[in-house]
C-alpha atoms as a PDB file:
ATOM      1  CA  UNK A   1      -0.199  -0.144   0.165  1.00  0.00           C
ATOM      2  CA  UNK A   2       2.860   2.054   0.150  1.00  0.00           C
ATOM      3  CA  UNK A   3       2.419   3.558   3.382  1.00  0.00           C
ATOM      4  CA  UNK A   4       6.216   4.541   5.040  1.00  0.00           C
ATOM      5  CA  UNK A   5       5.064   5.933   8.144  1.00  0.00           C
ATOM      6  CA  UNK A   6       2.288   6.144  10.700  1.00  0.00           C
ATOM      7  CA  UNK A   7      -0.507   8.318   9.597  1.00  0.00           C
ATOM      8  CA  UNK A   8      -0.984  11.155  12.350  1.00  0.00           C
ATOM      9  CA  UNK A   9      -4.914  11.896  12.079  1.00  0.00           C
ATOM     10  CA  UNK A  10      -7.429  11.051  10.783  1.00  0.00           C
ATOM     11  CA  UNK A  11      -7.154  13.382   7.719  1.00  0.00           C
ATOM     12  CA  UNK A  12      -4.340  12.475   7.187  1.00  0.00           C
ATOM     13  CA  UNK A  13      -5.604   8.662   6.684  1.00  0.00           C
ATOM     14  CA  UNK A  14      -8.727   9.753   4.827  1.00  0.00           C
ATOM     15  CA  UNK A  15      -6.312  11.663   2.018  1.00  0.00           C
ATOM     16  CA  UNK A  16      -4.513   8.424   1.939  1.00  0.00           C
ATOM     17  CA  UNK A  17      -7.368   6.422   1.426  1.00  0.00           C
ATOM     18  CA  UNK A  18      -8.783   8.717  -1.117  1.00  0.00           C
ATOM     19  CA  UNK A  19      -5.891   8.410  -3.512  1.00  0.00           C
ATOM     20  CA  UNK A  20      -5.510   4.393  -3.087  1.00  0.00           C
ATOM     21  CA  UNK A  21      -6.306   2.478  -6.187  1.00  0.00           C
ATOM     22  CA  UNK A  22      -6.384  -0.444  -4.127  1.00  0.00           C
ATOM     23  CA  UNK A  23      -8.870   0.745  -1.794  1.00  0.00           C
ATOM     24  CA  UNK A  24     -10.941   1.501  -5.342  1.00  0.00           C
ATOM     25  CA  UNK A  25     -10.043  -1.662  -6.754  1.00  0.00           C
ATOM     26  CA  UNK A  26     -11.428  -3.433  -3.641  1.00  0.00           C
ATOM     27  CA  UNK A  27     -14.560  -1.603  -3.157  1.00  0.00           C
ATOM     28  CA  UNK A  28     -16.723   0.108  -5.137  1.00  0.00           C
ATOM     29  CA  UNK A  29     -15.832   4.022  -5.981  1.00  0.00           C
ATOM     30  CA  UNK A  30     -19.228   5.335  -4.758  1.00  0.00           C
ATOM     31  CA  UNK A  31     -19.084   3.193  -1.962  1.00  0.00           C
ATOM     32  CA  UNK A  32     -15.863   4.947  -1.276  1.00  0.00           C
ATOM     33  CA  UNK A  33     -16.975   8.687  -1.903  1.00  0.00           C
ATOM     34  CA  UNK A  34     -19.738   7.925   0.101  1.00  0.00           C
ATOM     35  CA  UNK A  35     -17.583   6.634   3.463  1.00  0.00           C
ATOM     36  CA  UNK A  36     -14.952   9.357   2.841  1.00  0.00           C
ATOM     37  CA  UNK A  37     -17.845  12.113   2.339  1.00  0.00           C
ATOM     38  CA  UNK A  38     -18.845  10.739   5.707  1.00  0.00           C
ATOM     39  CA  UNK A  39     -15.526  10.352   7.680  1.00  0.00           C
ATOM     40  CA  UNK A  40     -14.559  14.034   6.272  1.00  0.00           C
ATOM     41  CA  UNK A  41     -17.863  15.492   8.043  1.00  0.00           C
ATOM     42  CA  UNK A  42     -17.340  13.401  11.243  1.00  0.00           C
ATOM     43  CA  UNK A  43     -13.946  14.611  11.320  1.00  0.00           C
ATOM     44  CA  UNK A  44     -14.923  18.378  10.676  1.00  0.00           C
ATOM     45  CA  UNK A  45     -16.990  18.086  13.338  1.00  0.00           C
ATOM     46  CA  UNK A  46     -14.380  16.484  15.926  1.00  0.00           C
ATOM     47  CA  UNK A  47     -11.807  19.676  14.869  1.00  0.00           C
ATOM     48  CA  UNK A  48     -14.701  21.923  15.919  1.00  0.00           C
ATOM     49  CA  UNK A  49     -15.113  20.274  19.272  1.00  0.00           C
ATOM     50  CA  UNK A  50     -11.870  20.063  19.968  1.00  0.00           C
ATOM     51  CA  UNK A  51     -10.992  23.934  18.941  1.00  0.00           C
ATOM     52  CA  UNK A  52     -13.356  24.686  21.493  1.00  0.00           C
ATOM     53  CA  UNK A  53     -11.096  22.833  24.519  1.00  0.00           C
ATOM     54  CA  UNK A  54     -10.335  19.362  25.410  1.00  0.00           C
ATOM     55  CA  UNK A  55     -13.650  18.932  27.528  1.00  0.00           C
ATOM     56  CA  UNK A  56     -15.870  19.934  24.327  1.00  0.00           C
ATOM     57  CA  UNK A  57     -13.728  17.119  22.266  1.00  0.00           C
ATOM     58  CA  UNK A  58     -14.422  14.480  25.144  1.00  0.00           C
ATOM     59  CA  UNK A  59     -18.227  15.348  25.228  1.00  0.00           C
ATOM     60  CA  UNK A  60     -18.219  15.315  21.541  1.00  0.00           C
ATOM     61  CA  UNK A  61     -16.399  11.273  21.862  1.00  0.00           C
ATOM     62  CA  UNK A  62     -18.997  10.398  24.658  1.00  0.00           C
ATOM     63  CA  UNK A  63     -22.399  11.258  22.697  1.00  0.00           C
ATOM     64  CA  UNK A  64     -21.417  10.408  18.976  1.00  0.00           C
ATOM     65  CA  UNK A  65     -19.561   7.161  20.328  1.00  0.00           C
ATOM     66  CA  UNK A  66     -20.888   5.851  23.833  1.00  0.00           C
ATOM     67  CA  UNK A  67     -24.536   5.831  21.796  1.00  0.00           C
ATOM     68  CA  UNK A  68     -23.030   3.664  19.251  1.00  0.00           C
ATOM     69  CA  UNK A  69     -22.006   0.832  21.640  1.00  0.00           C
ATOM     70  CA  UNK A  70     -25.337   1.561  23.738  1.00  0.00           C
ATOM     71  CA  UNK A  71     -27.037   0.705  20.873  1.00  0.00           C
ATOM     72  CA  UNK A  72     -25.196  -2.310  19.504  1.00  0.00           C
ATOM     73  CA  UNK A  73     -25.283  -3.524  22.790  1.00  0.00           C
ATOM     74  CA  UNK A  74     -29.196  -2.917  23.431  1.00  0.00           C
ATOM     75  CA  UNK A  75     -29.987  -4.721  20.068  1.00  0.00           C
ATOM     76  CA  UNK A  76     -27.716  -7.959  21.179  1.00  0.00           C
ATOM     77  CA  UNK A  77     -24.741  -7.289  18.768  1.00  0.00           C
ATOM     78  CA  UNK A  78     -22.001  -9.598  18.830  1.00  0.00           C
ATOM     79  CA  UNK A  79     -20.041  -6.818  21.110  1.00  0.00           C
ATOM     80  CA  UNK A  80     -23.049  -7.319  23.906  1.00  0.00           C
ATOM     81  CA  UNK A  81     -21.445 -10.644  24.556  1.00  0.00           C
ATOM     82  CA  UNK A  82     -17.850  -9.482  25.113  1.00  0.00           C
ATOM     83  CA  UNK A  83     -18.901  -6.535  27.523  1.00  0.00           C
ATOM     84  CA  UNK A  84     -19.842  -7.676  31.140  1.00  0.00           C
ATOM     85  CA  UNK A  85     -22.514  -6.526  33.216  1.00  0.00           C
ATOM     86  CA  UNK A  86     -20.909  -3.053  34.470  1.00  0.00           C
ATOM     87  CA  UNK A  87     -19.997  -2.464  30.937  1.00  0.00           C
ATOM     88  CA  UNK A  88     -23.376  -2.999  29.633  1.00  0.00           C
ATOM     89  CA  UNK A  89     -25.084  -0.836  32.288  1.00  0.00           C
ATOM     90  CA  UNK A  90     -22.817   2.524  30.926  1.00  0.00           C
ATOM     91  CA  UNK A  91     -24.951   5.270  31.104  1.00  0.00           C
ATOM     92  CA  UNK A  92     -24.157   8.478  28.887  1.00  0.00           C
ATOM     93  CA  UNK A  93     -23.052  11.620  31.342  1.00  0.00           C
END
């Protein structure tokens, strides 16, 4: 894939993915474009929260990602099988 160093941010990783012929060859180009657009929007939202301060960035992460984990657990996804009772009882702050 030609990566010679560890990428330092999501933005950098998205740029690399966008220019990867391998990814477009393996996945449908429209799917890659839609995914990149979604992730770039997510990255912009995070950067805006981070600009407002570390606390805001943490709150953004909790709201965005903890809700996803809770939904997966609630639906009985595979993730729920690996979490103990304490993790299944996580509540948003």
